[in-house]
Amino acid sequence: MKNNLLDRIYPKDPESGKYIINVAVNHYDEVFNRLDPAPYNRKDLNSLLRGYLESCSSDIPLKYNVALKIDVGEDIRQEKKEEQIREGLSQFFLFLLFNQQKKRKETLRRILFFLLVSLFSLSVGFYLRSLPHSDWLYLSLTEVFYIGGWVFLWEAIAMLTFRNHQSRVKQKEYKRLMEADISFRCKNQALYF
């Protein structure tokens, strides 16, 4: 049932089996941010298009590949711009993938730091508890180390399981969009690659 619904929302290319994400723009220049002065291979993607592509990509399970089909409202085909757009889209998602990988590495460093702090705090707490003292300040300090150790351990576990998983999914989505086949169709023309 789930794939039937997915097939109704996103058409499938009968030859490749890839799900097709359809995009419509009035002009080739609408694919990228018009205020960005960088060349096509370094431009930022139009924010609405980026949100749309990320949303569509998250709808389609990661085990399937995708293809982008861009309908352009212009009469004349501009092969040079199409190639620049293909390269620009690939570079844009490569950049996002690179940033996501950097964030993931930073998250793994933080996890390691939190685990070390947790281990230290819990060790100090266990050591202090083994010493014979009964005043309230000493017992409070012991509890501070215990509680701190468990809090840091929980944060490391949460980052490892929840946030790290989200980061891996984003990386896979960006990689899939980076490698997507991109085809264009101008007004009143058949689709071509």
Protein backbone atom coordinates (compact mmCIF):
# COMPACT_ATOMS: atom_id res chain seq x y z
CA MET A 1 0.00 0.00 0.00
CA LYS A 2 2.81 2.40 0.92
CA ASN A 3 4.53 2.08 -2.47
CA ASN A 4 1.20 2.46 -4.27
CA LEU A 5 0.70 5.81 -2.57
CA LEU A 6 4.30 6.78 -3.31
CA ASP A 7 3.83 5.78 -6.95
CA ARG A 8 0.76 7.99 -7.15
CA ILE A 9 2.63 11.01 -5.78
CA TYR A 10 5.92 10.53 -7.64
CA PRO A 11 5.98 8.96 -11.10
CA LYS A 12 8.55 6.29 -11.80
CA ASP A 13 10.81 6.24 -14.83
CA PRO A 14 9.90 2.94 -16.54
CA GLU A 15 13.42 2.44 -17.91
CA SER A 16 15.55 3.19 -14.84
CA GLY A 17 13.01 2.59 -12.06
CA LYS A 18 13.94 5.92 -10.46
CA TYR A 19 11.33 8.10 -8.83
CA ILE A 20 10.91 11.39 -10.67
CA ILE A 21 10.83 14.72 -8.87
CA ASN A 22 9.16 17.21 -11.21
CA VAL A 23 10.18 20.85 -11.01
CA ALA A 24 8.72 23.77 -12.95
CA VAL A 25 10.45 27.13 -13.43
CA ASN A 26 9.67 30.03 -15.74
CA HIS A 27 13.32 30.66 -16.65
CA TYR A 28 16.59 28.79 -16.27
CA ASP A 29 17.83 31.48 -13.87
CA GLU A 30 15.10 30.66 -11.33
CA VAL A 31 16.88 27.47 -10.28
CA PHE A 32 19.48 29.45 -8.35
CA ASN A 33 19.36 32.42 -6.02
CA ARG A 34 19.24 35.47 -8.28
CA LEU A 35 21.04 37.65 -5.73
CA ASP A 36 24.06 35.35 -5.58
CA PRO A 37 26.80 36.81 -7.83
CA ALA A 38 28.81 33.57 -7.93
CA PRO A 39 29.15 31.53 -11.14
CA TYR A 40 26.62 28.73 -11.72
CA ASN A 41 28.82 25.98 -10.31
CA ARG A 42 29.09 27.85 -6.97
CA LYS A 43 25.66 29.51 -6.68
CA ASP A 44 23.21 28.91 -3.87
CA LEU A 45 20.07 27.09 -4.88
CA ASN A 46 16.81 29.02 -4.82
CA SER A 47 15.58 28.57 -1.22
CA LEU A 48 12.08 27.49 -2.28
CA LEU A 49 13.48 24.94 -4.72
CA ARG A 50 15.91 23.65 -2.10
CA GLY A 51 13.10 23.16 0.40
CA TYR A 52 10.97 21.45 -2.22
CA LEU A 53 13.77 19.06 -3.28
CA GLU A 54 14.66 18.21 0.32
CA SER A 55 11.00 17.60 1.14
CA CYS A 56 10.49 15.36 -1.89
CA SER A 57 13.70 13.49 -1.17
CA SER A 58 12.63 12.81 2.40
CA ASP A 59 9.28 11.46 1.12
CA ILE A 60 10.99 8.84 -1.04
CA PRO A 61 12.70 5.99 0.86
CA LEU A 62 16.49 6.04 0.62
CA LYS A 63 16.64 2.65 -1.08
CA TYR A 64 15.28 4.27 -4.28
CA ASN A 65 17.18 6.59 -6.59
CA VAL A 66 15.63 9.79 -7.92
CA ALA A 67 15.73 11.80 -11.13
CA LEU A 68 14.94 15.49 -11.51
CA LYS A 69 12.83 16.63 -14.45
CA ILE A 70 12.80 20.38 -14.85
CA ASP A 71 10.12 22.03 -16.97
CA VAL A 72 11.32 25.43 -18.17
CA GLY A 73 8.81 28.02 -19.40
CA GLU A 74 11.11 29.25 -22.16
CA ASP A 75 10.65 28.49 -25.87
CA ILE A 76 14.29 27.97 -26.81
CA ARG A 77 16.51 25.26 -25.38
CA GLN A 78 19.80 26.52 -23.92
CA GLU A 79 22.12 23.54 -23.64
CA LYS A 80 24.96 25.54 -22.08
CA LYS A 81 22.73 26.76 -19.24
CA GLU A 82 21.36 23.25 -18.75
CA GLU A 83 24.86 21.86 -18.33
CA GLN A 84 25.71 24.71 -15.94
CA ILE A 85 22.58 23.93 -13.93
CA ARG A 86 23.45 20.22 -13.78
CA GLU A 87 26.94 21.05 -12.57
CA GLY A 88 25.63 23.71 -10.16
CA LEU A 89 23.06 21.37 -8.60
CA SER A 90 25.65 18.64 -8.20
CA GLN A 91 28.13 21.07 -6.62
CA PHE A 92 25.46 22.52 -4.33
CA PHE A 93 24.48 19.13 -2.92
CA LEU A 94 28.15 18.09 -2.72
CA PHE A 95 28.74 21.20 -0.58
CA LEU A 96 25.77 20.32 1.67
CA LEU A 97 27.06 16.75 1.95
CA PHE A 98 30.51 18.03 2.91
CA ASN A 99 29.01 20.33 5.58
CA GLN A 100 26.87 17.51 6.94
CA GLN A 101 29.95 15.29 7.20
CA LYS A 102 31.80 18.03 9.11
CA LYS A 103 28.86 18.39 11.52
CA ARG A 104 28.77 14.65 12.04
CA LYS A 105 32.49 14.51 12.85
CA GLU A 106 32.04 17.36 15.32
CA THR A 107 29.11 15.50 16.90
CA LEU A 108 31.28 12.37 17.27
CA ARG A 109 33.99 14.46 18.97
CA ARG A 110 31.43 15.87 21.39
CA ILE A 111 30.12 12.38 22.12
CA LEU A 112 33.65 11.25 22.99
CA PHE A 113 34.14 14.31 25.22
CA PHE A 114 30.84 13.68 27.03
CA LEU A 115 31.73 10.00 27.54
CA LEU A 116 35.10 10.93 29.04
CA VAL A 117 33.55 13.54 31.37
CA SER A 118 30.90 11.00 32.37
CA LEU A 119 33.49 8.34 33.08
CA PHE A 120 35.56 10.77 35.14
CA SER A 121 32.54 12.04 37.14
CA LEU A 122 31.19 8.59 37.86
CA SER A 123 34.65 7.33 38.87
CA VAL A 124 35.10 10.25 41.27
CA GLY A 125 31.59 9.65 42.63
CA PHE A 126 32.28 5.93 43.24
CA TYR A 127 35.63 6.73 44.82
CA LEU A 128 34.15 9.37 47.16
CA ARG A 129 31.36 7.03 48.18
CA SER A 130 33.90 4.36 49.18
CA LEU A 131 35.55 6.74 51.69
CA PRO A 132 34.07 6.81 55.20
CA HIS A 133 32.49 10.26 55.67
CA SER A 134 29.07 11.25 56.88
CA ASP A 135 28.81 15.03 56.77
CA TRP A 136 26.21 16.54 54.45
CA LEU A 137 28.72 18.54 52.34
CA TYR A 138 30.71 15.44 51.51
CA LEU A 139 27.56 13.44 50.65
CA SER A 140 26.26 16.33 48.49
CA LEU A 141 29.55 16.52 46.59
CA THR A 142 29.40 12.77 45.97
CA GLU A 143 25.86 13.09 44.58
CA VAL A 144 26.92 16.01 42.34
CA PHE A 145 29.54 13.78 40.70
CA TYR A 146 27.03 10.94 40.31
CA ILE A 147 24.33 13.12 38.81
CA GLY A 148 26.79 14.94 36.55
CA GLY A 149 28.22 11.65 35.32
CA TRP A 150 24.79 10.25 34.46
CA VAL A 151 23.72 13.48 32.74
CA PHE A 152 26.82 13.51 30.53
CA LEU A 153 26.35 9.81 29.78
CA TRP A 154 22.72 10.39 28.78
CA GLU A 155 23.69 13.29 26.53
CA ALA A 156 26.32 11.13 24.79
CA ILE A 157 23.79 8.32 24.26
CA ALA A 158 21.15 10.74 22.96
CA MET A 159 23.60 12.31 20.53
CA LEU A 160 24.82 8.92 19.34
CA THR A 161 21.39 7.45 18.75
CA PHE A 162 19.09 10.30 17.76
CA ARG A 163 21.15 13.14 16.31
CA ASN A 164 23.72 10.93 14.64
CA HIS A 165 20.95 8.98 12.88
CA GLN A 166 19.37 12.18 11.55
CA SER A 167 22.75 13.31 10.25
CA ARG A 168 23.33 10.01 8.43
CA VAL A 169 19.91 10.23 6.79
CA LYS A 170 20.61 13.80 5.62
CA GLN A 171 23.96 12.71 4.18
CA LYS A 172 22.29 9.94 2.19
CA GLU A 173 19.60 12.29 0.91
CA TYR A 174 22.17 14.88 -0.22
CA LYS A 175 24.26 12.19 -1.91
CA ARG A 176 21.19 10.90 -3.74
CA LEU A 177 20.24 14.39 -4.93
CA MET A 178 23.85 15.08 -5.94
CA GLU A 179 23.88 11.96 -8.13
CA ALA A 180 20.36 12.42 -9.57
CA ASP A 181 19.89 12.44 -13.32
CA ILE A 182 18.63 15.85 -14.43
CA SER A 183 16.57 16.35 -17.56
CA PHE A 184 14.96 19.45 -19.04
CA ARG A 185 11.87 20.19 -21.08
CA CYS A 186 11.18 23.56 -22.64
CA LYS A 187 7.72 24.88 -23.37
CA ASN A 188 5.95 22.78 -26.02
CA GLN A 189 8.88 20.36 -26.35
CA ALA A 190 9.38 16.74 -25.49
CA LEU A 191 11.50 15.86 -22.49
CA TYR A 192 15.19 15.33 -23.24
CA PHE A 193 18.33 14.48 -21.30
